[in-house]
Amino acid sequence: MTQVDPVALNSHSTGVAGILGGAGSLIFSSGTNILGPLTHGMANQAKIRARDYNSHITETRAEVGTNGARLSNHSYGYRSGWEVVPPGSILGSITTTSNTYVWFGYPTISANEDPKFGLYSTDTAEFDNTSYTNLFYLTVWSAGNDLSNAPPVGSQPVAHISYDNNFNFAWFTGVTRNADGDAGGYDTMSAMATAKNCLTVGAVYDLPNGYSNAAGVVLAPFSSCGPTDDGRIKPDVVANGVSVVMPSINSNTDWQIQSGTSMSAPSVTGTIDLLVQRRSKLHTNASPLLASTLKALVLHTADECGTNPGPDLRFGWGLMNAVSAVTLIGQNATNGWKSFIKEVLLTTNSFIEFPIERAGTNALKVTICWTDPSGTADSLGVLDSPTPKLVNDLDLRIITPSGTTNFPWVLNADLTNKSSAARSAAATTGDNSRDNVEQAFIASPTTGTYTVRVTNKGTLQNNNPQWVSITLSGNAATAKPPLVIQQPALTATNKIALRWPSVVGQRYQIEFNDSLTSGSWSNIGPEVSARLTNVISEVTYNASQTQRFYRIREVE
């Protein structure tokens, strides 16, 4: 690990780094039984560059641009809502002498609700923009620990510290404030974790015997919940964040046990690093996976959590399952030619479409994810702005052999009434116009050919093409068609159209040579991303030439 910023040792950041990539040199034993490494990180040989959170936006861009960072973990966020601070804490001119309640909201905006919860802030928008301009870079954020932060029921009003009308810390007595978030603890998501393009991680209790069913996954009592202020699904996934053993700072063999979404986030980040490593071994010469593909993989293969099928606002898309994710990567490499993982470039006024067949009687599941342009940030002075942050609104549909259209999951964010009953209700299906992740699920598919279709509403921002990541399961692997150019057609005096059968998600390069006995092949234009099972591409043609030869090359 490289400590980039000169900071003092800290048990929190040391623990997070250990979860990410601790070597596990401390061996845990019980009597004569050696039980294994006590503080072994998820990716124990990963290279970690550790920084503080000051100037984090600028420094993040530098890490991506200069050092080619592919993954970053962010186990921090704004102080929001209720918190108990220890003796000796300094808050403005106040120094606490005992454990003290502090409410980090802004009474001039709302006396009961901290506007930072669920906020799409300036920093959030900047991180979305960084992701959009660096498509191979994924940020992973902790959801926050604010679900249960409040004085005990019946104990209010309690003396506490908060901001006064001049935004200075002051004592308040005889003032009652609500528990964090809305009814049921919803809308407690950290503002730093509301970015569309990040992967936000909540916390659950450990499963020492592994996953067995959805009911066995229990949300940590502190783990923050969605929705975001504009109604998007957060967190994205959950992982163990309770009583996690990790390194500490007093010696090279010192360890600690802590709980929080700060612990569940690096567990996911380190695991994604292993997915990247596995995929690079299976495809040694391939371009790296898009960040949206890594996110889609995690969400698509997550284990179901909660009382209802589909996503929810406490567990997101479920419990991360590293084995399922790496299995899908392997299936895509060995059993089919991009049958299970696709990256496709969508252009304005176009669509993506391809057929699939069920594999046995397995359920069909298709997930799309895309790195969306940043939305317009909201001001802290606007409480719970419902203005959508989605810029490019893509739509996933699965059409059955009989012609029935299957829609993706949608949740009722209930931004008007904010009722716990509506927000905890089972996901339904319909048109999702809020999230940049959509998933369609068919529990009992029939025999026949299904059609997967991805379109977009209106015009893509600035008419810029949009990369779309697509993950599939329950479908049969499809054989790659012969790569043969079909009869070229003259479309203008100086243009010729080439057509060939294609694999959706495959990239192709058109090349030419004016002789088959000498010279070399040269590229014509940029790579072609196949959106359909047949590609037609126009190339320039000079009628005065005696001959020109074309070929199509697959790009891995």
Protein backbone atom coordinates (compact mmCIF):
# COMPACT_ATOMS: atom_id res chain seq x y z
CA MET A 1 0.00 0.00 0.00
CA THR A 2 1.16 3.51 -0.78
CA GLN A 3 0.11 6.29 1.61
CA VAL A 4 -0.15 9.23 -0.79
CA ASP A 5 -1.33 11.97 1.57
CA PRO A 6 0.78 12.60 4.70
CA VAL A 7 -1.71 11.81 7.47
CA ALA A 8 -1.50 10.22 10.90
CA LEU A 9 -2.42 6.57 11.33
CA ASN A 10 -6.15 6.09 11.76
CA SER A 11 -7.91 2.93 12.85
CA HIS A 12 -10.86 3.50 10.50
CA SER A 13 -8.86 3.95 7.30
CA THR A 14 -6.40 1.22 8.30
CA GLY A 15 -9.29 -1.17 8.79
CA VAL A 16 -10.84 -0.24 5.45
CA ALA A 17 -7.52 -0.77 3.67
CA GLY A 18 -7.15 -4.12 5.41
CA ILE A 19 -10.55 -5.29 4.21
CA LEU A 20 -9.60 -4.25 0.70
CA GLY A 21 -6.20 -5.89 0.52
CA GLY A 22 -4.82 -7.02 3.88
CA ALA A 23 -2.16 -9.70 3.56
CA GLY A 24 -3.64 -11.73 6.42
CA SER A 25 -0.32 -12.25 8.17
CA LEU A 26 -2.01 -12.55 11.58
CA ILE A 27 -3.09 -16.18 11.98
CA PHE A 28 -6.10 -16.85 14.17
CA SER A 29 -6.07 -20.01 16.25
CA SER A 30 -8.14 -21.65 18.95
CA GLY A 31 -6.01 -23.85 21.14
CA THR A 32 -4.07 -26.10 18.80
CA ASN A 33 -6.50 -25.50 15.92
CA ILE A 34 -5.25 -23.03 13.35
CA LEU A 35 -8.36 -21.42 11.84
CA GLY A 36 -6.70 -19.27 9.22
CA PRO A 37 -5.73 -15.66 8.50
CA LEU A 38 -7.57 -13.29 10.81
CA THR A 39 -7.27 -10.11 8.77
CA HIS A 40 -7.05 -11.40 5.21
CA GLY A 41 -8.29 -8.81 2.72
CA MET A 42 -10.65 -9.52 -0.15
CA ALA A 43 -7.92 -8.86 -2.74
CA ASN A 44 -4.84 -9.52 -0.65
CA GLN A 45 -2.31 -8.70 -3.39
CA ALA A 46 -4.00 -5.55 -4.65
CA LYS A 47 -2.08 -2.32 -4.97
CA ILE A 48 -3.71 0.35 -2.81
CA ARG A 49 -3.09 4.08 -3.01
CA ALA A 50 -4.51 5.63 0.15
CA ARG A 51 -5.57 9.27 0.37
CA ASP A 52 -7.58 11.41 2.77
CA TYR A 53 -10.91 12.87 1.65
CA ASN A 54 -9.69 16.44 1.31
CA SER A 55 -9.83 17.57 -2.33
CA HIS A 56 -11.21 14.14 -3.14
CA ILE A 57 -12.74 15.16 -6.48
CA THR A 58 -9.54 16.67 -7.85
CA GLU A 59 -7.43 13.83 -6.49
CA THR A 60 -9.77 11.19 -7.87
CA ARG A 61 -9.50 12.65 -11.35
CA ALA A 62 -5.73 12.67 -11.00
CA GLU A 63 -5.65 9.02 -9.91
CA VAL A 64 -7.73 8.03 -12.91
CA GLY A 65 -5.93 10.23 -15.43
CA THR A 66 -2.36 9.73 -14.22
CA ASN A 67 -2.35 6.30 -12.60
CA GLY A 68 -5.14 4.62 -14.55
CA ALA A 69 -7.21 3.78 -11.48
CA ARG A 70 -10.05 1.38 -12.26
CA LEU A 71 -11.63 1.12 -8.80
CA SER A 72 -11.87 3.39 -5.79
CA ASN A 73 -13.45 2.84 -2.38
CA HIS A 74 -15.07 5.68 -0.45
CA SER A 75 -15.97 4.81 3.14
CA TYR A 76 -16.90 8.31 4.24
CA GLY A 77 -19.61 10.91 3.83
CA TYR A 78 -21.09 14.12 5.18
CA ARG A 79 -22.12 14.15 8.83
CA SER A 80 -25.90 14.05 8.65
CA GLY A 81 -28.79 13.93 11.06
CA TRP A 82 -28.30 12.67 14.61
CA GLU A 83 -24.96 11.54 15.95
CA VAL A 84 -23.48 10.99 19.41
CA VAL A 85 -20.02 12.55 19.77
CA PRO A 86 -17.58 11.60 22.55
CA PRO A 87 -16.14 13.87 25.24
CA GLY A 88 -13.54 16.30 23.93
CA SER A 89 -15.24 16.79 20.55
CA ILE A 90 -14.83 20.33 19.23
CA LEU A 91 -17.83 21.82 17.45
CA GLY A 92 -17.21 25.47 16.71
CA SER A 93 -16.75 27.18 20.06
CA ILE A 94 -18.18 24.22 21.99
CA THR A 95 -16.05 21.42 23.46
CA THR A 96 -18.09 18.49 24.76
CA THR A 97 -17.44 17.11 28.23
CA SER A 98 -19.49 13.92 27.87
CA ASN A 99 -21.21 11.84 25.22
CA THR A 100 -23.42 14.38 23.52
CA TYR A 101 -26.17 14.29 20.91
CA VAL A 102 -25.53 16.48 17.88
CA TRP A 103 -28.03 17.13 15.09
CA PHE A 104 -26.18 18.03 11.89
CA GLY A 105 -29.23 19.31 10.02
CA TYR A 106 -29.96 22.94 9.30
CA PRO A 107 -32.89 24.36 11.35
CA THR A 108 -33.25 27.32 8.98
CA ILE A 109 -34.13 24.83 6.19
CA SER A 110 -36.03 22.25 8.23
CA ALA A 111 -36.34 21.82 11.97
CA ASN A 112 -36.86 18.06 11.65
CA GLU A 113 -35.21 16.72 8.50
CA ASP A 114 -31.60 17.01 7.42
CA PRO A 115 -31.65 18.03 3.73
CA LYS A 116 -28.39 16.18 3.08
CA PHE A 117 -30.14 12.80 3.19
CA GLY A 118 -30.75 11.59 -0.36
CA LEU A 119 -29.34 14.82 -1.80
CA TYR A 120 -27.82 14.91 -5.28
CA SER A 121 -25.12 17.39 -4.29
CA THR A 122 -22.50 19.29 -6.25
CA ASP A 123 -19.90 16.71 -5.22
CA THR A 124 -22.22 13.89 -6.26
CA ALA A 125 -22.72 15.42 -9.70
CA GLU A 126 -18.96 15.89 -10.06
CA PHE A 127 -18.34 12.20 -9.34
CA ASP A 128 -20.97 11.26 -11.91
CA ASN A 129 -19.20 13.50 -14.40
CA THR A 130 -15.83 11.92 -13.59
CA SER A 131 -17.35 8.49 -14.22
CA TYR A 132 -18.92 9.63 -17.50
CA THR A 133 -15.61 10.95 -18.80
CA ASN A 134 -13.71 7.85 -17.58
CA LEU A 135 -15.91 4.93 -18.59
CA PHE A 136 -13.63 2.22 -17.18
CA TYR A 137 -13.55 3.72 -13.67
CA LEU A 138 -15.99 2.57 -10.95
CA THR A 139 -16.42 4.24 -7.56
CA VAL A 140 -17.79 2.25 -4.63
CA TRP A 141 -19.42 4.16 -1.75
CA SER A 142 -20.66 3.24 1.69
CA ALA A 143 -24.37 3.96 2.07
CA GLY A 144 -24.07 5.59 5.50
CA ASN A 145 -24.93 4.55 9.06
CA ASP A 146 -27.90 6.79 9.81
CA LEU A 147 -30.88 4.43 9.91
CA SER A 148 -31.03 4.22 13.71
CA ASN A 149 -29.22 7.37 14.79
CA ALA A 150 -31.61 9.26 17.09
CA PRO A 151 -32.36 9.65 20.78
CA PRO A 152 -34.42 6.73 22.14
CA VAL A 153 -38.15 6.87 21.59
CA GLY A 154 -39.81 8.75 24.43
CA SER A 155 -36.62 10.47 25.60
CA GLN A 156 -37.04 13.68 23.65
CA PRO A 157 -36.54 16.51 23.99
CA VAL A 158 -32.88 16.02 24.87
CA ALA A 159 -30.25 18.71 25.21
CA HIS A 160 -28.23 18.65 22.02
CA ILE A 161 -25.97 20.69 19.78
CA SER A 162 -27.01 21.90 16.35
CA TYR A 163 -26.59 24.87 14.03
CA ASP A 164 -28.31 28.14 14.90
CA ASN A 165 -29.76 30.61 12.41
CA ASN A 166 -26.25 31.90 11.69
CA PHE A 167 -24.94 28.38 11.03
CA ASN A 168 -22.88 28.35 14.21
CA PHE A 169 -23.03 25.43 16.61
CA ALA A 170 -25.18 26.12 19.65
CA TRP A 171 -26.94 24.29 22.46
CA PHE A 172 -30.65 23.50 22.13
CA THR A 173 -32.92 22.43 25.00
CA GLY A 174 -36.61 21.72 24.93
CA VAL A 175 -36.49 21.12 21.16
CA THR A 176 -37.76 17.85 19.70
CA ARG A 177 -36.52 16.69 16.32
CA ASN A 178 -37.53 13.67 14.26
CA ALA A 179 -35.47 10.54 13.94
CA ASP A 180 -33.30 10.47 10.83
CA GLY A 181 -35.10 10.17 7.52
CA ASP A 182 -38.75 9.58 6.81
CA ALA A 183 -41.12 7.00 8.29
CA GLY A 184 -39.51 3.58 8.43
CA GLY A 185 -36.02 5.05 8.19
CA TYR A 186 -36.31 5.67 4.46
CA ASP A 187 -34.46 8.59 2.85
CA THR A 188 -31.38 8.22 5.04
CA MET A 189 -28.94 7.70 2.18
CA SER A 190 -25.66 9.57 2.49
CA ALA A 191 -25.46 12.42 -0.02
CA MET A 192 -22.06 11.14 -1.11
CA ALA A 193 -23.62 7.80 -2.06
CA THR A 194 -26.47 9.04 -4.28
CA ALA A 195 -24.45 9.25 -7.51
CA LYS A 196 -26.05 7.40 -10.42
CA ASN A 197 -22.82 5.84 -11.66
CA CYS A 198 -21.33 4.71 -8.37
CA LEU A 199 -21.96 1.38 -6.66
CA THR A 200 -23.49 2.07 -3.24
CA VAL A 201 -23.17 -0.62 -0.56
CA GLY A 202 -25.34 -1.17 2.49
CA ALA A 203 -24.56 -3.48 5.42
CA VAL A 204 -26.05 -6.75 6.64
CA TYR A 205 -25.15 -9.27 9.34
CA ASP A 206 -22.61 -11.95 8.51
CA LEU A 207 -23.79 -15.29 7.14
CA PRO A 208 -21.24 -17.73 8.62
CA ASN A 209 -22.96 -20.70 6.99
CA GLY A 210 -23.50 -18.97 3.66
CA TYR A 211 -26.63 -17.77 1.91
CA SER A 212 -29.69 -20.02 2.07
CA ASN A 213 -32.68 -17.79 1.41
CA ALA A 214 -33.76 -14.16 1.27
CA ALA A 215 -35.22 -14.19 4.77
CA GLY A 216 -31.85 -15.21 6.22
CA VAL A 217 -30.24 -11.91 5.22
CA VAL A 218 -30.74 -9.35 7.98
CA LEU A 219 -30.13 -5.66 7.45
CA ALA A 220 -27.77 -4.02 9.92
CA PRO A 221 -29.78 -1.70 12.21
CA PHE A 222 -27.67 1.29 11.15
CA SER A 223 -27.52 0.76 7.36
CA SER A 224 -28.96 3.76 5.50
CA CYS A 225 -31.87 3.32 3.12
CA GLY A 226 -33.13 4.93 -0.05
CA PRO A 227 -34.75 6.33 -1.99
CA THR A 228 -32.70 9.26 -3.22
CA ASP A 229 -34.53 12.57 -3.27
CA ASP A 230 -35.45 11.99 -6.93
CA GLY A 231 -36.67 8.46 -6.23
CA ARG A 232 -33.81 6.27 -7.43
CA ILE A 233 -32.95 2.87 -5.95
CA LYS A 234 -30.18 3.00 -3.38
CA PRO A 235 -28.28 1.19 -1.97
CA ASP A 236 -27.29 -0.90 -4.98
CA VAL A 237 -26.20 -4.00 -3.04
CA VAL A 238 -25.40 -5.09 0.50
CA ALA A 239 -22.53 -7.01 2.08
CA ASN A 240 -21.37 -8.01 5.56
CA GLY A 241 -20.73 -4.94 7.68
CA VAL A 242 -21.32 -6.19 11.22
CA SER A 243 -18.54 -7.23 13.61
CA VAL A 244 -15.90 -7.29 10.90
CA VAL A 245 -12.39 -8.30 11.98
CA MET A 246 -9.74 -6.04 10.44
CA PRO A 247 -6.27 -4.61 11.10
CA SER A 248 -5.70 -1.76 13.53
CA ILE A 249 -2.89 0.70 14.18
CA ASN A 250 -1.05 -0.17 17.40
CA SER A 251 1.24 -2.80 15.87
CA ASN A 252 1.68 -4.99 12.80
CA THR A 253 -0.38 -7.67 14.54
CA ASP A 254 -3.01 -5.40 16.04
CA TRP A 255 -6.62 -6.04 15.08
CA GLN A 256 -10.05 -4.63 15.80
CA ILE A 257 -13.73 -5.48 15.34
CA GLN A 258 -15.94 -2.77 13.87
CA SER A 259 -19.34 -2.42 12.20
CA GLY A 260 -20.58 -0.05 9.54
CA THR A 261 -21.18 0.41 5.84
CA SER A 262 -17.57 1.61 5.85
CA MET A 263 -16.73 -2.08 6.28
CA SER A 264 -19.21 -3.54 3.76
CA ALA A 265 -18.11 -1.20 0.95
CA PRO A 266 -14.43 -2.31 0.79
CA SER A 267 -15.58 -5.93 0.93
CA VAL A 268 -17.40 -5.32 -2.35
CA THR A 269 -14.61 -3.20 -3.85
CA GLY A 270 -11.99 -5.85 -3.17
CA THR A 271 -14.23 -8.56 -4.58
CA ILE A 272 -14.78 -6.58 -7.79
CA ASP A 273 -11.00 -6.36 -8.13
CA LEU A 274 -10.91 -10.16 -8.12
CA LEU A 275 -13.59 -10.24 -10.82
CA VAL A 276 -11.43 -7.93 -12.93
CA GLN A 277 -8.45 -10.22 -12.40
CA ARG A 278 -10.40 -13.33 -13.35
CA ARG A 279 -11.76 -11.78 -16.49
CA SER A 280 -8.30 -10.61 -17.57
CA LYS A 281 -7.01 -14.18 -17.24
CA LEU A 282 -9.82 -15.52 -19.41
CA HIS A 283 -9.44 -12.74 -22.00
CA THR A 284 -5.75 -11.89 -21.97
CA ASN A 285 -5.87 -9.52 -24.93
CA ALA A 286 -9.29 -7.98 -24.36
CA SER A 287 -10.10 -4.40 -23.56
CA PRO A 288 -11.08 -3.93 -19.90
CA LEU A 289 -14.71 -4.15 -18.96
CA LEU A 290 -16.63 -0.91 -18.69
CA ALA A 291 -17.40 0.29 -15.16
CA SER A 292 -21.09 -0.08 -15.97
CA THR A 293 -20.45 -3.73 -16.87
CA LEU A 294 -18.77 -4.40 -13.53
CA LYS A 295 -21.72 -2.77 -11.79
CA ALA A 296 -24.21 -4.72 -13.89
CA LEU A 297 -22.39 -7.97 -13.04
CA VAL A 298 -22.63 -7.29 -9.31
CA LEU A 299 -26.30 -6.33 -9.41
CA HIS A 300 -27.33 -9.07 -11.83
CA THR A 301 -25.79 -11.89 -9.80
CA ALA A 302 -26.72 -10.63 -6.32
CA ASP A 303 -28.73 -12.94 -4.07
CA GLU A 304 -32.32 -11.99 -3.33
CA CYS A 305 -32.93 -10.23 -0.01
CA GLY A 306 -36.00 -8.93 1.77
CA THR A 307 -39.57 -10.15 1.84
CA ASN A 308 -40.39 -9.59 -1.83
CA PRO A 309 -38.73 -10.47 -5.16
CA GLY A 310 -36.93 -7.74 -7.05
CA PRO A 311 -35.10 -4.68 -5.73
CA ASP A 312 -36.06 -2.69 -2.64
CA LEU A 313 -34.94 0.45 -0.85
CA ARG A 314 -33.15 -1.33 2.01
CA PHE A 315 -31.15 -4.10 0.31
CA GLY A 316 -31.05 -2.66 -3.21
CA TRP A 317 -30.61 -5.51 -5.69
CA GLY A 318 -29.49 -7.95 -3.01
CA LEU A 319 -26.45 -9.52 -1.36
CA MET A 320 -23.31 -9.57 -3.48
CA ASN A 321 -22.48 -13.08 -4.65
CA ALA A 322 -18.90 -13.29 -5.86
CA VAL A 323 -19.22 -16.92 -6.96
CA SER A 324 -22.23 -16.19 -9.17
CA ALA A 325 -20.50 -13.17 -10.69
CA VAL A 326 -17.30 -15.00 -11.51
CA THR A 327 -19.31 -17.96 -12.84
CA LEU A 328 -21.10 -15.69 -15.28
CA ILE A 329 -17.75 -14.30 -16.42
CA GLY A 330 -16.55 -17.86 -17.00
CA GLN A 331 -19.68 -18.88 -18.87
CA ASN A 332 -19.33 -15.88 -21.13
CA ALA A 333 -15.76 -16.89 -21.92
CA THR A 334 -16.21 -20.63 -22.48
CA ASN A 335 -19.84 -21.48 -23.25
CA GLY A 336 -20.87 -18.73 -25.60
CA TRP A 337 -19.68 -15.84 -27.69
CA LYS A 338 -20.83 -12.85 -25.66
CA SER A 339 -24.02 -14.70 -24.82
CA PHE A 340 -24.08 -13.51 -21.22
CA ILE A 341 -22.16 -10.22 -21.11
CA LYS A 342 -22.48 -7.57 -23.80
CA GLU A 343 -21.24 -4.01 -24.21
CA VAL A 344 -23.08 -2.17 -26.97
CA LEU A 345 -22.88 1.38 -28.30
CA LEU A 346 -26.33 2.91 -28.65
CA THR A 347 -26.85 5.94 -30.88
CA THR A 348 -29.75 8.38 -31.08
CA ASN A 349 -32.74 7.08 -33.06
CA SER A 350 -31.37 3.53 -32.98
CA PHE A 351 -32.02 0.46 -30.83
CA ILE A 352 -30.38 -2.75 -29.65
CA GLU A 353 -32.13 -6.02 -30.39
CA PHE A 354 -31.20 -9.70 -30.31
CA PRO A 355 -32.88 -13.09 -29.80
CA ILE A 356 -32.34 -15.47 -26.88
CA GLU A 357 -33.59 -18.96 -26.02
CA ARG A 358 -34.21 -20.23 -22.53
CA ALA A 359 -31.77 -22.77 -21.07
CA GLY A 360 -33.90 -25.59 -19.71
CA THR A 361 -36.57 -24.30 -17.36
CA ASN A 362 -34.40 -21.67 -15.70
CA ALA A 363 -35.73 -18.18 -15.14
CA LEU A 364 -34.67 -15.56 -17.66
CA LYS A 365 -33.03 -12.44 -16.30
CA VAL A 366 -31.63 -9.48 -18.24
CA THR A 367 -29.99 -6.43 -16.66
CA ILE A 368 -28.85 -3.25 -18.36
CA CYS A 369 -26.67 -0.57 -16.80
CA TRP A 370 -25.14 2.55 -18.29
CA THR A 371 -22.85 5.36 -17.14
CA ASP A 372 -25.17 8.34 -17.39
CA PRO A 373 -24.12 11.98 -17.88
CA SER A 374 -24.21 13.95 -14.64
CA GLY A 375 -27.51 15.52 -13.62
CA THR A 376 -28.07 19.00 -12.27
CA ALA A 377 -27.02 19.26 -8.63
CA ASP A 378 -29.55 20.38 -6.02
CA SER A 379 -28.97 23.12 -3.47
CA LEU A 380 -28.93 22.32 0.23
CA GLY A 381 -31.63 24.95 0.58
CA VAL A 382 -34.10 22.79 -1.35
CA LEU A 383 -35.50 19.99 0.79
CA ASP A 384 -36.13 16.67 -1.02
CA SER A 385 -36.06 17.95 -4.60
CA PRO A 386 -37.95 15.39 -6.77
CA THR A 387 -36.38 16.62 -10.02
CA PRO A 388 -35.15 13.51 -11.91
CA LYS A 389 -31.40 13.20 -12.31
CA LEU A 390 -31.52 10.66 -15.13
CA VAL A 391 -30.30 12.24 -18.37
CA ASN A 392 -30.33 9.43 -20.94
CA ASP A 393 -33.50 7.43 -20.30
CA LEU A 394 -32.96 3.95 -21.72
CA ASP A 395 -35.64 1.28 -21.74
CA LEU A 396 -35.29 -2.51 -21.48
CA ARG A 397 -37.98 -4.84 -22.78
CA ILE A 398 -38.19 -8.62 -23.29
CA ILE A 399 -40.74 -9.80 -25.85
CA THR A 400 -41.97 -13.38 -25.43
CA PRO A 401 -42.48 -15.85 -28.30
CA SER A 402 -46.20 -15.01 -28.18
CA GLY A 403 -45.54 -11.27 -28.47
CA THR A 404 -46.10 -10.26 -24.83
CA THR A 405 -43.84 -7.46 -23.63
CA ASN A 406 -42.12 -7.88 -20.26
CA PHE A 407 -41.15 -4.67 -18.47
CA PRO A 408 -38.40 -4.10 -15.89
CA TRP A 409 -38.78 -3.81 -12.13
CA VAL A 410 -39.92 -0.48 -10.72
CA LEU A 411 -40.34 0.72 -7.13
CA ASN A 412 -42.78 3.22 -5.70
CA ALA A 413 -40.55 5.90 -4.18
CA ASP A 414 -43.70 7.74 -3.00
CA LEU A 415 -42.01 11.13 -3.09
CA THR A 416 -45.27 12.93 -2.24
CA ASN A 417 -46.62 11.07 0.79
CA LYS A 418 -43.35 9.40 1.83
CA SER A 419 -45.21 6.54 3.48
CA SER A 420 -43.36 3.53 4.82
CA ALA A 421 -46.05 1.18 3.51
CA ALA A 422 -45.66 2.36 -0.08
CA ARG A 423 -41.88 2.31 0.04
CA SER A 424 -41.70 -1.17 1.53
CA ALA A 425 -44.22 -2.62 -0.93
CA ALA A 426 -43.11 -5.23 -3.45
CA ALA A 427 -41.55 -4.01 -6.66
CA THR A 428 -43.84 -4.06 -9.67
CA THR A 429 -43.00 -3.89 -13.36
CA GLY A 430 -43.39 -0.99 -15.73
CA ASP A 431 -41.55 1.88 -17.35
CA ASN A 432 -38.57 3.00 -15.26
CA SER A 433 -37.72 6.64 -15.90
CA ARG A 434 -35.51 7.26 -12.84
CA ASP A 435 -32.71 4.68 -12.66
CA ASN A 436 -29.75 3.95 -14.92
CA VAL A 437 -30.13 0.28 -14.04
CA GLU A 438 -33.04 -1.80 -15.33
CA GLN A 439 -33.73 -5.49 -14.91
CA ALA A 440 -36.42 -7.66 -16.51
CA PHE A 441 -37.18 -11.07 -15.02
CA ILE A 442 -39.29 -13.97 -16.32
CA ALA A 443 -39.69 -16.64 -13.66
CA SER A 444 -41.14 -19.40 -15.87
CA PRO A 445 -40.17 -18.89 -19.51
CA THR A 446 -41.77 -21.04 -22.17
CA THR A 447 -40.05 -22.70 -25.10
CA GLY A 448 -39.32 -20.42 -28.02
CA THR A 449 -37.39 -17.37 -29.05
CA TYR A 450 -37.44 -14.26 -26.87
CA THR A 451 -36.36 -10.84 -28.08
CA VAL A 452 -34.31 -8.48 -25.93
CA ARG A 453 -34.73 -4.85 -26.96
CA VAL A 454 -33.09 -1.68 -25.61
CA THR A 455 -34.24 1.73 -26.76
CA ASN A 456 -33.99 5.31 -25.52
CA LYS A 457 -36.56 8.01 -25.03
CA GLY A 458 -36.04 11.22 -26.97
CA THR A 459 -32.50 12.19 -27.90
CA LEU A 460 -29.29 11.14 -26.19
CA GLN A 461 -27.52 14.09 -24.58
CA ASN A 462 -25.78 16.15 -27.28
CA ASN A 463 -26.45 13.21 -29.63
CA ASN A 464 -23.42 11.51 -28.08
CA PRO A 465 -23.52 7.69 -28.33
CA GLN A 466 -24.22 5.84 -25.08
CA TRP A 467 -22.46 2.63 -24.07
CA VAL A 468 -24.85 0.08 -22.59
CA SER A 469 -23.81 -2.93 -20.50
CA ILE A 470 -26.08 -5.97 -20.73
CA THR A 471 -25.87 -9.08 -18.55
CA LEU A 472 -28.03 -12.16 -19.07
CA SER A 473 -28.71 -15.46 -17.32
CA GLY A 474 -31.08 -18.35 -17.85
CA ASN A 475 -30.51 -18.16 -21.60
CA ALA A 476 -28.75 -20.70 -23.78
CA ALA A 477 -25.35 -19.93 -25.25
CA THR A 478 -25.55 -18.93 -28.91
CA ALA A 479 -23.11 -20.11 -31.53
CA LYS A 480 -21.17 -17.42 -33.36
CA PRO A 481 -22.26 -17.08 -37.00
CA PRO A 482 -19.67 -17.31 -39.80
CA LEU A 483 -18.03 -13.95 -40.36
CA VAL A 484 -18.77 -13.53 -44.05
CA ILE A 485 -19.36 -10.29 -45.93
CA GLN A 486 -22.56 -10.60 -47.90
CA GLN A 487 -23.03 -9.11 -51.36
CA PRO A 488 -21.78 -5.47 -51.26
CA ALA A 489 -24.25 -2.90 -52.55
CA LEU A 490 -23.50 0.45 -54.19
CA THR A 491 -25.47 3.08 -52.25
CA ALA A 492 -24.05 6.20 -53.92
CA THR A 493 -21.49 7.10 -56.55
CA ASN A 494 -18.78 7.00 -53.91
CA LYS A 495 -20.21 4.69 -51.23
CA ILE A 496 -20.63 0.98 -50.86
CA ALA A 497 -22.56 -0.86 -48.15
CA LEU A 498 -21.08 -3.93 -46.48
CA ARG A 499 -23.31 -6.34 -44.59
CA TRP A 500 -22.39 -9.29 -42.40
CA PRO A 501 -24.05 -11.51 -39.72
CA SER A 502 -22.90 -10.33 -36.29
CA VAL A 503 -22.93 -11.01 -32.59
CA VAL A 504 -24.61 -8.21 -30.67
CA GLY A 505 -22.02 -6.71 -28.35
CA GLN A 506 -19.11 -7.65 -30.58
CA ARG A 507 -16.92 -4.88 -32.01
CA TYR A 508 -15.71 -5.14 -35.59
CA GLN A 509 -13.09 -3.31 -37.62
CA ILE A 510 -13.49 -2.90 -41.38
CA GLU A 511 -10.19 -3.10 -43.24
CA PHE A 512 -9.17 -2.72 -46.87
CA ASN A 513 -6.30 -3.59 -49.15
CA ASP A 514 -5.89 -2.80 -52.84
CA SER A 515 -3.95 -5.99 -53.48
CA LEU A 516 -4.01 -9.52 -52.15
CA THR A 517 -0.41 -10.16 -53.11
CA SER A 518 1.27 -7.05 -51.71
CA GLY A 519 0.70 -4.18 -49.33
CA SER A 520 -0.97 -4.29 -45.93
CA TRP A 521 -4.49 -4.05 -44.60
CA SER A 522 -5.64 -0.64 -43.32
CA ASN A 523 -8.54 0.35 -41.09
CA ILE A 524 -11.55 2.15 -42.50
CA GLY A 525 -13.23 4.36 -39.95
CA PRO A 526 -13.76 3.56 -36.26
CA GLU A 527 -14.73 0.20 -34.82
CA VAL A 528 -18.31 -0.89 -35.40
CA SER A 529 -20.33 -1.97 -32.34
CA ALA A 530 -22.97 -4.49 -33.37
CA ARG A 531 -26.44 -3.50 -32.15
CA LEU A 532 -28.30 -6.07 -34.25
CA THR A 533 -27.64 -9.59 -35.51
CA ASN A 534 -26.85 -8.17 -38.94
CA VAL A 535 -24.63 -5.15 -39.44
CA ILE A 536 -24.70 -2.80 -42.41
CA SER A 537 -21.89 -0.27 -42.66
CA GLU A 538 -21.12 2.17 -45.45
CA VAL A 539 -17.56 2.79 -46.65
CA THR A 540 -16.21 5.14 -49.27
CA TYR A 541 -15.66 3.78 -52.76
CA ASN A 542 -13.59 5.16 -55.63
CA ALA A 543 -14.94 3.99 -58.99
CA SER A 544 -11.67 4.87 -60.73
CA GLN A 545 -9.80 2.19 -58.80
CA THR A 546 -9.35 -1.09 -60.60
CA GLN A 547 -9.84 -3.16 -57.45
CA ARG A 548 -10.24 -2.94 -53.68
CA PHE A 549 -10.64 -5.75 -51.18
CA TYR A 550 -12.49 -5.54 -47.85
CA ARG A 551 -12.46 -7.72 -44.78
CA ILE A 552 -14.00 -7.63 -41.30
CA ARG A 553 -11.90 -8.26 -38.21
CA GLU A 554 -13.31 -9.08 -34.78
CA VAL A 555 -11.97 -6.83 -32.01
CA GLU A 556 -11.67 -8.42 -28.59
